[in-house]
Amino acid sequence: STTVLQPERDSFFTEFLDASLRHSVYTEKELR
């Protein structure tokens, strides 16, 4: 129940989130 701050939102998407935060992706099939 809050509001996204637009400058922080832009920074979160464009500067913080990138491929370095996730080195691997696995499916449920691979888990099984």
PDB file of all heavy atoms in Angstrom:
ATOM      1  N   SER A   1       0.823  -1.225   0.000  1.00  0.00           N
ATOM      2  CA  SER A   1       0.000   0.000   0.000  1.00  0.00           C
ATOM      3  C   SER A   1       0.852   1.269   0.000  1.00  0.00           C
ATOM      4  O   SER A   1       0.625   2.206   0.770  1.00  0.00           O
ATOM      5  CB  SER A   1      -0.945   0.009   1.208  1.00  0.00           C
ATOM      6  OG  SER A   1      -1.769  -1.134   1.221  1.00  0.00           O
ATOM      7  N   THR A   2       1.845   1.270  -0.867  1.00  0.00           N
ATOM      8  CA  THR A   2       2.649   2.473  -1.059  1.00  0.00           C
ATOM      9  C   THR A   2       2.701   2.793  -2.550  1.00  0.00           C
ATOM     10  O   THR A   2       2.151   2.056  -3.364  1.00  0.00           O
ATOM     11  CB  THR A   2       4.086   2.296  -0.532  1.00  0.00           C
ATOM     12  OG1 THR A   2       4.716   1.247  -1.269  1.00  0.00           O
ATOM     13  CG2 THR A   2       4.098   1.970   0.953  1.00  0.00           C
ATOM     14  N   THR A   3       3.381   3.883  -2.872  1.00  0.00           N
ATOM     15  CA  THR A   3       3.495   4.305  -4.266  1.00  0.00           C
ATOM     16  C   THR A   3       4.951   4.251  -4.702  1.00  0.00           C
ATOM     17  O   THR A   3       5.838   4.702  -3.983  1.00  0.00           O
ATOM     18  CB  THR A   3       2.963   5.737  -4.438  1.00  0.00           C
ATOM     19  OG1 THR A   3       1.596   5.772  -4.003  1.00  0.00           O
ATOM     20  CG2 THR A   3       3.032   6.163  -5.899  1.00  0.00           C
ATOM     21  N   VAL A   4       5.180   3.711  -5.889  1.00  0.00           N
ATOM     22  CA  VAL A   4       6.530   3.642  -6.429  1.00  0.00           C
ATOM     23  C   VAL A   4       7.056   5.046  -6.709  1.00  0.00           C
ATOM     24  O   VAL A   4       6.363   5.876  -7.307  1.00  0.00           O
ATOM     25  CB  VAL A   4       6.558   2.813  -7.732  1.00  0.00           C
ATOM     26  CG1 VAL A   4       7.959   2.809  -8.334  1.00  0.00           C
ATOM     27  CG2 VAL A   4       6.101   1.392  -7.469  1.00  0.00           C
ATOM     28  N   LEU A   5       8.286   5.324  -6.260  1.00  0.00           N
ATOM     29  CA  LEU A   5       8.944   6.586  -6.578  1.00  0.00           C
ATOM     30  C   LEU A   5       9.550   6.472  -7.972  1.00  0.00           C
ATOM     31  O   LEU A   5      10.366   5.594  -8.231  1.00  0.00           O
ATOM     32  CB  LEU A   5      10.031   6.882  -5.546  1.00  0.00           C
ATOM     33  CG  LEU A   5       9.552   7.014  -4.091  1.00  0.00           C
ATOM     34  CD1 LEU A   5      10.753   7.142  -3.155  1.00  0.00           C
ATOM     35  CD2 LEU A   5       8.641   8.216  -3.949  1.00  0.00           C
ATOM     36  N   GLN A   6       9.158   7.360  -8.888  1.00  0.00           N
ATOM     37  CA  GLN A   6       9.540   7.209 -10.283  1.00  0.00           C
ATOM     38  C   GLN A   6      11.051   7.203 -10.515  1.00  0.00           C
ATOM     39  O   GLN A   6      11.561   6.331 -11.239  1.00  0.00           O
ATOM     40  CB  GLN A   6       8.890   8.300 -11.136  1.00  0.00           C
ATOM     41  CG  GLN A   6       8.986   8.045 -12.632  1.00  0.00           C
ATOM     42  CD  GLN A   6       8.304   6.741 -13.048  1.00  0.00           C
ATOM     43  OE1 GLN A   6       7.205   6.429 -12.594  1.00  0.00           O
ATOM     44  NE2 GLN A   6       8.962   5.954 -13.891  1.00  0.00           N
ATOM     45  N   PRO A   7      11.821   8.126  -9.915  1.00  0.00           N
ATOM     46  CA  PRO A   7      13.283   8.070 -10.151  1.00  0.00           C
ATOM     47  C   PRO A   7      13.893   6.757  -9.662  1.00  0.00           C
ATOM     48  O   PRO A   7      14.746   6.176 -10.336  1.00  0.00           O
ATOM     49  CB  PRO A   7      13.811   9.262  -9.347  1.00  0.00           C
ATOM     50  CG  PRO A   7      12.647  10.178  -9.210  1.00  0.00           C
ATOM     51  CD  PRO A   7      11.451   9.290  -9.104  1.00  0.00           C
ATOM     52  N   GLU A   8      13.440   6.294  -8.491  1.00  0.00           N
ATOM     53  CA  GLU A   8      13.950   5.029  -7.953  1.00  0.00           C
ATOM     54  C   GLU A   8      13.507   3.853  -8.807  1.00  0.00           C
ATOM     55  O   GLU A   8      14.267   2.900  -8.996  1.00  0.00           O
ATOM     56  CB  GLU A   8      13.483   4.844  -6.506  1.00  0.00           C
ATOM     57  CG  GLU A   8      14.211   5.690  -5.478  1.00  0.00           C
ATOM     58  CD  GLU A   8      13.750   7.138  -5.472  1.00  0.00           C
ATOM     59  OE1 GLU A   8      12.825   7.484  -6.238  1.00  0.00           O
ATOM     60  OE2 GLU A   8      14.337   7.936  -4.718  1.00  0.00           O
ATOM     61  N   ARG A   9      12.284   3.932  -9.328  1.00  0.00           N
ATOM     62  CA  ARG A   9      11.788   2.870 -10.204  1.00  0.00           C
ATOM     63  C   ARG A   9      12.661   2.761 -11.452  1.00  0.00           C
ATOM     64  O   ARG A   9      13.068   1.666 -11.849  1.00  0.00           O
ATOM     65  CB  ARG A   9      10.334   3.168 -10.599  1.00  0.00           C
ATOM     66  CG  ARG A   9       9.721   2.187 -11.596  1.00  0.00           C
ATOM     67  CD  ARG A   9       8.407   2.739 -12.143  1.00  0.00           C
ATOM     68  NE  ARG A   9       7.815   1.840 -13.109  1.00  0.00           N
ATOM     69  CZ  ARG A   9       6.859   0.964 -12.838  1.00  0.00           C
ATOM     70  NH1 ARG A   9       6.387   0.866 -11.606  1.00  0.00           N
ATOM     71  NH2 ARG A   9       6.363   0.186 -13.776  1.00  0.00           N
ATOM     72  N   ASP A  10      12.952   3.901 -12.072  1.00  0.00           N
ATOM     73  CA  ASP A  10      13.779   3.902 -13.276  1.00  0.00           C
ATOM     74  C   ASP A  10      15.161   3.337 -12.990  1.00  0.00           C
ATOM     75  O   ASP A  10      15.704   2.541 -13.772  1.00  0.00           O
ATOM     76  CB  ASP A  10      13.897   5.325 -13.830  1.00  0.00           C
ATOM     77  CG  ASP A  10      12.556   5.864 -14.341  1.00  0.00           C
ATOM     78  OD1 ASP A  10      11.640   5.046 -14.573  1.00  0.00           O
ATOM     79  OD2 ASP A  10      12.429   7.095 -14.478  1.00  0.00           O
ATOM     80  N   SER A  11      15.735   3.737 -11.852  1.00  0.00           N
ATOM     81  CA  SER A  11      17.060   3.249 -11.478  1.00  0.00           C
ATOM     82  C   SER A  11      17.035   1.750 -11.195  1.00  0.00           C
ATOM     83  O   SER A  11      17.957   1.027 -11.576  1.00  0.00           O
ATOM     84  CB  SER A  11      17.556   4.006 -10.243  1.00  0.00           C
ATOM     85  OG  SER A  11      18.778   3.478  -9.785  1.00  0.00           O
ATOM     86  N   PHE A  12      15.976   1.296 -10.548  1.00  0.00           N
ATOM     87  CA  PHE A  12      15.841  -0.123 -10.220  1.00  0.00           C
ATOM     88  C   PHE A  12      15.822  -0.969 -11.485  1.00  0.00           C
ATOM     89  O   PHE A  12      16.487  -2.005 -11.578  1.00  0.00           O
ATOM     90  CB  PHE A  12      14.549  -0.333  -9.424  1.00  0.00           C
ATOM     91  CG  PHE A  12      14.313  -1.747  -8.950  1.00  0.00           C
ATOM     92  CD1 PHE A  12      15.090  -2.301  -7.942  1.00  0.00           C
ATOM     93  CD2 PHE A  12      13.300  -2.510  -9.505  1.00  0.00           C
ATOM     94  CE1 PHE A  12      14.868  -3.597  -7.499  1.00  0.00           C
ATOM     95  CE2 PHE A  12      13.070  -3.807  -9.072  1.00  0.00           C
ATOM     96  CZ  PHE A  12      13.861  -4.352  -8.066  1.00  0.00           C
ATOM     97  N   PHE A  13      15.096  -0.504 -12.497  1.00  0.00           N
ATOM     98  CA  PHE A  13      14.970  -1.259 -13.744  1.00  0.00           C
ATOM     99  C   PHE A  13      16.220  -1.156 -14.616  1.00  0.00           C
ATOM    100  O   PHE A  13      16.664  -2.150 -15.202  1.00  0.00           O
ATOM    101  CB  PHE A  13      13.758  -0.774 -14.541  1.00  0.00           C
ATOM    102  CG  PHE A  13      12.439  -1.150 -13.927  1.00  0.00           C
ATOM    103  CD1 PHE A  13      11.314  -0.382 -14.179  1.00  0.00           C
ATOM    104  CD2 PHE A  13      12.308  -2.257 -13.112  1.00  0.00           C
ATOM    105  CE1 PHE A  13      10.081  -0.727 -13.626  1.00  0.00           C
ATOM    106  CE2 PHE A  13      11.095  -2.613 -12.547  1.00  0.00           C
ATOM    107  CZ  PHE A  13       9.981  -1.837 -12.809  1.00  0.00           C
ATOM    108  N   THR A  14      16.789   0.040 -14.713  1.00  0.00           N
ATOM    109  CA  THR A  14      17.841   0.262 -15.704  1.00  0.00           C
ATOM    110  C   THR A  14      19.260   0.070 -15.164  1.00  0.00           C
ATOM    111  O   THR A  14      20.171  -0.254 -15.924  1.00  0.00           O
ATOM    112  CB  THR A  14      17.730   1.690 -16.283  1.00  0.00           C
ATOM    113  OG1 THR A  14      17.892   2.644 -15.216  1.00  0.00           O
ATOM    114  CG2 THR A  14      16.385   1.900 -16.960  1.00  0.00           C
ATOM    115  N   GLU A  15      19.446   0.275 -13.857  1.00  0.00           N
ATOM    116  CA  GLU A  15      20.788   0.216 -13.296  1.00  0.00           C
ATOM    117  C   GLU A  15      20.997  -0.970 -12.357  1.00  0.00           C
ATOM    118  O   GLU A  15      22.076  -1.568 -12.347  1.00  0.00           O
ATOM    119  CB  GLU A  15      21.101   1.516 -12.536  1.00  0.00           C
ATOM    120  CG  GLU A  15      21.084   2.761 -13.422  1.00  0.00           C
ATOM    121  CD  GLU A  15      21.291   4.037 -12.618  1.00  0.00           C
ATOM    122  OE1 GLU A  15      21.816   3.941 -11.478  1.00  0.00           O
ATOM    123  OE2 GLU A  15      20.910   5.121 -13.103  1.00  0.00           O
ATOM    124  N   PHE A  16      19.960  -1.312 -11.572  1.00  0.00           N
ATOM    125  CA  PHE A  16      20.144  -2.368 -10.566  1.00  0.00           C
ATOM    126  C   PHE A  16      19.929  -3.756 -11.149  1.00  0.00           C
ATOM    127  O   PHE A  16      20.754  -4.655 -10.971  1.00  0.00           O
ATOM    128  CB  PHE A  16      19.193  -2.136  -9.392  1.00  0.00           C
ATOM    129  CG  PHE A  16      19.364  -3.145  -8.291  1.00  0.00           C
ATOM    130  CD1 PHE A  16      20.437  -3.068  -7.415  1.00  0.00           C
ATOM    131  CD2 PHE A  16      18.455  -4.176  -8.136  1.00  0.00           C
ATOM    132  CE1 PHE A  16      20.600  -4.004  -6.405  1.00  0.00           C
ATOM    133  CE2 PHE A  16      18.609  -5.118  -7.130  1.00  0.00           C
ATOM    134  CZ  PHE A  16      19.682  -5.032  -6.253  1.00  0.00           C
ATOM    135  N   LEU A  17      18.817  -3.949 -11.840  1.00  0.00           N
ATOM    136  CA  LEU A  17      18.508  -5.277 -12.371  1.00  0.00           C
ATOM    137  C   LEU A  17      19.322  -5.551 -13.628  1.00  0.00           C
ATOM    138  O   LEU A  17      19.241  -4.809 -14.598  1.00  0.00           O
ATOM    139  CB  LEU A  17      17.010  -5.384 -12.697  1.00  0.00           C
ATOM    140  CG  LEU A  17      16.040  -5.316 -11.525  1.00  0.00           C
ATOM    141  CD1 LEU A  17      14.610  -5.424 -12.030  1.00  0.00           C
ATOM    142  CD2 LEU A  17      16.324  -6.424 -10.509  1.00  0.00           C
ATOM    143  N   ASP A  18      20.114  -6.602 -13.597  1.00  0.00           N
ATOM    144  CA  ASP A  18      20.819  -7.029 -14.803  1.00  0.00           C
ATOM    145  C   ASP A  18      21.152  -8.508 -14.679  1.00  0.00           C
ATOM    146  O   ASP A  18      20.900  -9.144 -13.657  1.00  0.00           O
ATOM    147  CB  ASP A  18      22.067  -6.183 -15.077  1.00  0.00           C
ATOM    148  CG  ASP A  18      23.106  -6.272 -13.960  1.00  0.00           C
ATOM    149  OD1 ASP A  18      23.385  -7.393 -13.495  1.00  0.00           O
ATOM    150  OD2 ASP A  18      23.651  -5.228 -13.563  1.00  0.00           O
ATOM    151  N   ALA A  19      21.746  -9.049 -15.720  1.00  0.00           N
ATOM    152  CA  ALA A  19      21.990 -10.492 -15.786  1.00  0.00           C
ATOM    153  C   ALA A  19      22.926 -10.988 -14.693  1.00  0.00           C
ATOM    154  O   ALA A  19      22.892 -12.168 -14.326  1.00  0.00           O
ATOM    155  CB  ALA A  19      22.551 -10.861 -17.159  1.00  0.00           C
ATOM    156  N   SER A  20      23.756 -10.089 -14.119  1.00  0.00           N
ATOM    157  CA  SER A  20      24.701 -10.525 -13.090  1.00  0.00           C
ATOM    158  C   SER A  20      24.013 -10.976 -11.815  1.00  0.00           C
ATOM    159  O   SER A  20      24.605 -11.646 -10.974  1.00  0.00           O
ATOM    160  CB  SER A  20      25.679  -9.393 -12.757  1.00  0.00           C
ATOM    161  OG  SER A  20      25.027  -8.333 -12.084  1.00  0.00           O
ATOM    162  N   LEU A  21      22.730 -10.604 -11.664  1.00  0.00           N
ATOM    163  CA  LEU A  21      21.997 -10.980 -10.468  1.00  0.00           C
ATOM    164  C   LEU A  21      21.465 -12.406 -10.537  1.00  0.00           C
ATOM    165  O   LEU A  21      20.968 -12.935  -9.549  1.00  0.00           O
ATOM    166  CB  LEU A  21      20.821 -10.017 -10.242  1.00  0.00           C
ATOM    167  CG  LEU A  21      21.199  -8.573  -9.919  1.00  0.00           C
ATOM    168  CD1 LEU A  21      19.962  -7.686  -9.939  1.00  0.00           C
ATOM    169  CD2 LEU A  21      21.883  -8.488  -8.564  1.00  0.00           C
ATOM    170  N   ARG A  22      21.547 -13.012 -11.701  1.00  0.00           N
ATOM    171  CA  ARG A  22      21.006 -14.371 -11.847  1.00  0.00           C
ATOM    172  C   ARG A  22      21.895 -15.159 -12.789  1.00  0.00           C
ATOM    173  O   ARG A  22      21.894 -14.968 -13.992  1.00  0.00           O
ATOM    174  CB  ARG A  22      19.562 -14.308 -12.381  1.00  0.00           C
ATOM    175  CG  ARG A  22      18.895 -15.662 -12.466  1.00  0.00           C
ATOM    176  CD  ARG A  22      17.425 -15.546 -12.849  1.00  0.00           C
ATOM    177  NE  ARG A  22      17.227 -14.866 -14.109  1.00  0.00           N
ATOM    178  CZ  ARG A  22      16.098 -14.913 -14.816  1.00  0.00           C
ATOM    179  NH1 ARG A  22      15.068 -15.601 -14.356  1.00  0.00           N
ATOM    180  NH2 ARG A  22      15.995 -14.269 -15.956  1.00  0.00           N
ATOM    181  N   HIS A  23      22.672 -16.088 -12.222  1.00  0.00           N
ATOM    182  CA  HIS A  23      23.650 -16.839 -13.012  1.00  0.00           C
ATOM    183  C   HIS A  23      23.066 -18.110 -13.616  1.00  0.00           C
ATOM    184  O   HIS A  23      23.657 -18.687 -14.529  1.00  0.00           O
ATOM    185  CB  HIS A  23      24.860 -17.188 -12.139  1.00  0.00           C
ATOM    186  CG  HIS A  23      25.576 -15.980 -11.608  1.00  0.00           C
ATOM    187  ND1 HIS A  23      26.332 -15.154 -12.403  1.00  0.00           N
ATOM    188  CD2 HIS A  23      25.616 -15.448 -10.360  1.00  0.00           C
ATOM    189  CE1 HIS A  23      26.837 -14.169 -11.668  1.00  0.00           C
ATOM    190  NE2 HIS A  23      26.417 -14.321 -10.434  1.00  0.00           N
ATOM    191  N   SER A  24      21.944 -18.553 -13.091  1.00  0.00           N
ATOM    192  CA  SER A  24      21.368 -19.797 -13.597  1.00  0.00           C
ATOM    193  C   SER A  24      19.853 -19.791 -13.412  1.00  0.00           C
ATOM    194  O   SER A  24      19.336 -19.213 -12.456  1.00  0.00           O
ATOM    195  CB  SER A  24      21.976 -21.006 -12.872  1.00  0.00           C
ATOM    196  OG  SER A  24      21.787 -20.886 -11.477  1.00  0.00           O
ATOM    197  N   VAL A  25      19.177 -20.428 -14.361  1.00  0.00           N
ATOM    198  CA  VAL A  25      17.728 -20.587 -14.300  1.00  0.00           C
ATOM    199  C   VAL A  25      17.420 -22.056 -14.557  1.00  0.00           C
ATOM    200  O   VAL A  25      17.913 -22.632 -15.531  1.00  0.00           O
ATOM    201  CB  VAL A  25      17.004 -19.717 -15.355  1.00  0.00           C
ATOM    202  CG1 VAL A  25      15.498 -19.872 -15.222  1.00  0.00           C
ATOM    203  CG2 VAL A  25      17.415 -18.256 -15.225  1.00  0.00           C
ATOM    204  N   TYR A  26      16.636 -22.655 -13.679  1.00  0.00           N
ATOM    205  CA  TYR A  26      16.299 -24.070 -13.820  1.00  0.00           C
ATOM    206  C   TYR A  26      14.785 -24.243 -13.814  1.00  0.00           C
ATOM    207  O   TYR A  26      14.051 -23.462 -13.209  1.00  0.00           O
ATOM    208  CB  TYR A  26      16.905 -24.895 -12.682  1.00  0.00           C
ATOM    209  CG  TYR A  26      18.409 -24.947 -12.701  1.00  0.00           C
ATOM    210  CD1 TYR A  26      19.162 -24.113 -11.872  1.00  0.00           C
ATOM    211  CD2 TYR A  26      19.082 -25.817 -13.554  1.00  0.00           C
ATOM    212  CE1 TYR A  26      20.549 -24.157 -11.885  1.00  0.00           C
ATOM    213  CE2 TYR A  26      20.472 -25.868 -13.579  1.00  0.00           C
ATOM    214  CZ  TYR A  26      21.198 -25.033 -12.744  1.00  0.00           C
ATOM    215  OH  TYR A  26      22.567 -25.070 -12.766  1.00  0.00           O
ATOM    216  N   THR A  27      14.328 -25.262 -14.497  1.00  0.00           N
ATOM    217  CA  THR A  27      12.907 -25.567 -14.579  1.00  0.00           C
ATOM    218  C   THR A  27      12.542 -26.626 -13.546  1.00  0.00           C
ATOM    219  O   THR A  27      13.413 -27.298 -12.965  1.00  0.00           O
ATOM    220  CB  THR A  27      12.546 -26.092 -15.977  1.00  0.00           C
ATOM    221  OG1 THR A  27      13.240 -27.342 -16.178  1.00  0.00           O
ATOM    222  CG2 THR A  27      12.954 -25.099 -17.063  1.00  0.00           C
ATOM    223  N   GLU A  28      11.256 -26.805 -13.362  1.00  0.00           N
ATOM    224  CA  GLU A  28      10.795 -27.866 -12.467  1.00  0.00           C
ATOM    225  C   GLU A  28      11.176 -29.237 -13.020  1.00  0.00           C
ATOM    226  O   GLU A  28      11.501 -30.158 -12.260  1.00  0.00           O
ATOM    227  CB  GLU A  28       9.278 -27.776 -12.277  1.00  0.00           C
ATOM    228  CG  GLU A  28       8.736 -28.771 -11.269  1.00  0.00           C
ATOM    229  CD  GLU A  28       7.252 -28.603 -11.012  1.00  0.00           C
ATOM    230  OE1 GLU A  28       6.786 -27.443 -10.864  1.00  0.00           O
ATOM    231  OE2 GLU A  28       6.538 -29.624 -10.953  1.00  0.00           O
ATOM    232  N   LYS A  29      11.176 -29.363 -14.342  1.00  0.00           N
ATOM    233  CA  LYS A  29      11.578 -30.632 -14.961  1.00  0.00           C
ATOM    234  C   LYS A  29      13.022 -30.962 -14.619  1.00  0.00           C
ATOM    235  O   LYS A  29      13.349 -32.127 -14.317  1.00  0.00           O
ATOM    236  CB  LYS A  29      11.392 -30.554 -16.483  1.00  0.00           C
ATOM    237  CG  LYS A  29      11.740 -31.840 -17.221  1.00  0.00           C
ATOM    238  CD  LYS A  29      11.487 -31.698 -18.723  1.00  0.00           C
ATOM    239  CE  LYS A  29      11.859 -32.986 -19.453  1.00  0.00           C
ATOM    240  NZ  LYS A  29      11.634 -32.851 -20.925  1.00  0.00           N
ATOM    241  N   GLU A  30      13.904 -29.966 -14.668  1.00  0.00           N
ATOM    242  CA  GLU A  30      15.305 -30.201 -14.324  1.00  0.00           C
ATOM    243  C   GLU A  30      15.460 -30.537 -12.841  1.00  0.00           C
ATOM    244  O   GLU A  30      16.306 -31.354 -12.465  1.00  0.00           O
ATOM    245  CB  GLU A  30      16.140 -28.966 -14.676  1.00  0.00           C
ATOM    246  CG  GLU A  30      16.301 -28.756 -16.175  1.00  0.00           C
ATOM    247  CD  GLU A  30      16.950 -27.430 -16.489  1.00  0.00           C
ATOM    248  OE1 GLU A  30      16.394 -26.377 -16.096  1.00  0.00           O
ATOM    249  OE2 GLU A  30      18.019 -27.442 -17.136  1.00  0.00           O
ATOM    250  N   LEU A  31      14.632 -29.925 -12.006  1.00  0.00           N
ATOM    251  CA  LEU A  31      14.648 -30.249 -10.582  1.00  0.00           C
ATOM    252  C   LEU A  31      14.259 -31.708 -10.366  1.00  0.00           C
ATOM    253  O   LEU A  31      14.908 -32.448  -9.612  1.00  0.00           O
ATOM    254  CB  LEU A  31      13.688 -29.326  -9.826  1.00  0.00           C
ATOM    255  CG  LEU A  31      13.499 -29.605  -8.334  1.00  0.00           C
ATOM    256  CD1 LEU A  31      14.799 -29.372  -7.568  1.00  0.00           C
ATOM    257  CD2 LEU A  31      12.379 -28.722  -7.767  1.00  0.00           C
ATOM    258  N   ARG A  32      13.211 -32.148 -11.046  1.00  0.00           N
ATOM    259  CA  ARG A  32      12.737 -33.528 -10.901  1.00  0.00           C
ATOM    260  C   ARG A  32      13.775 -34.545 -11.381  1.00  0.00           C
ATOM    261  O   ARG A  32      13.748 -35.704 -10.954  1.00  0.00           O
ATOM    262  CB  ARG A  32      11.448 -33.717 -11.709  1.00  0.00           C
ATOM    263  CG  ARG A  32      10.228 -33.004 -11.138  1.00  0.00           C
ATOM    264  CD  ARG A  32       9.007 -33.224 -12.010  1.00  0.00           C
ATOM    265  NE  ARG A  32       7.830 -32.524 -11.517  1.00  0.00           N
ATOM    266  CZ  ARG A  32       7.006 -33.019 -10.591  1.00  0.00           C
ATOM    267  NH1 ARG A  32       7.233 -34.231 -10.094  1.00  0.00           N
ATOM    268  NH2 ARG A  32       5.960 -32.323 -10.189  1.00  0.00           N
TER     269      ARG A  32
END
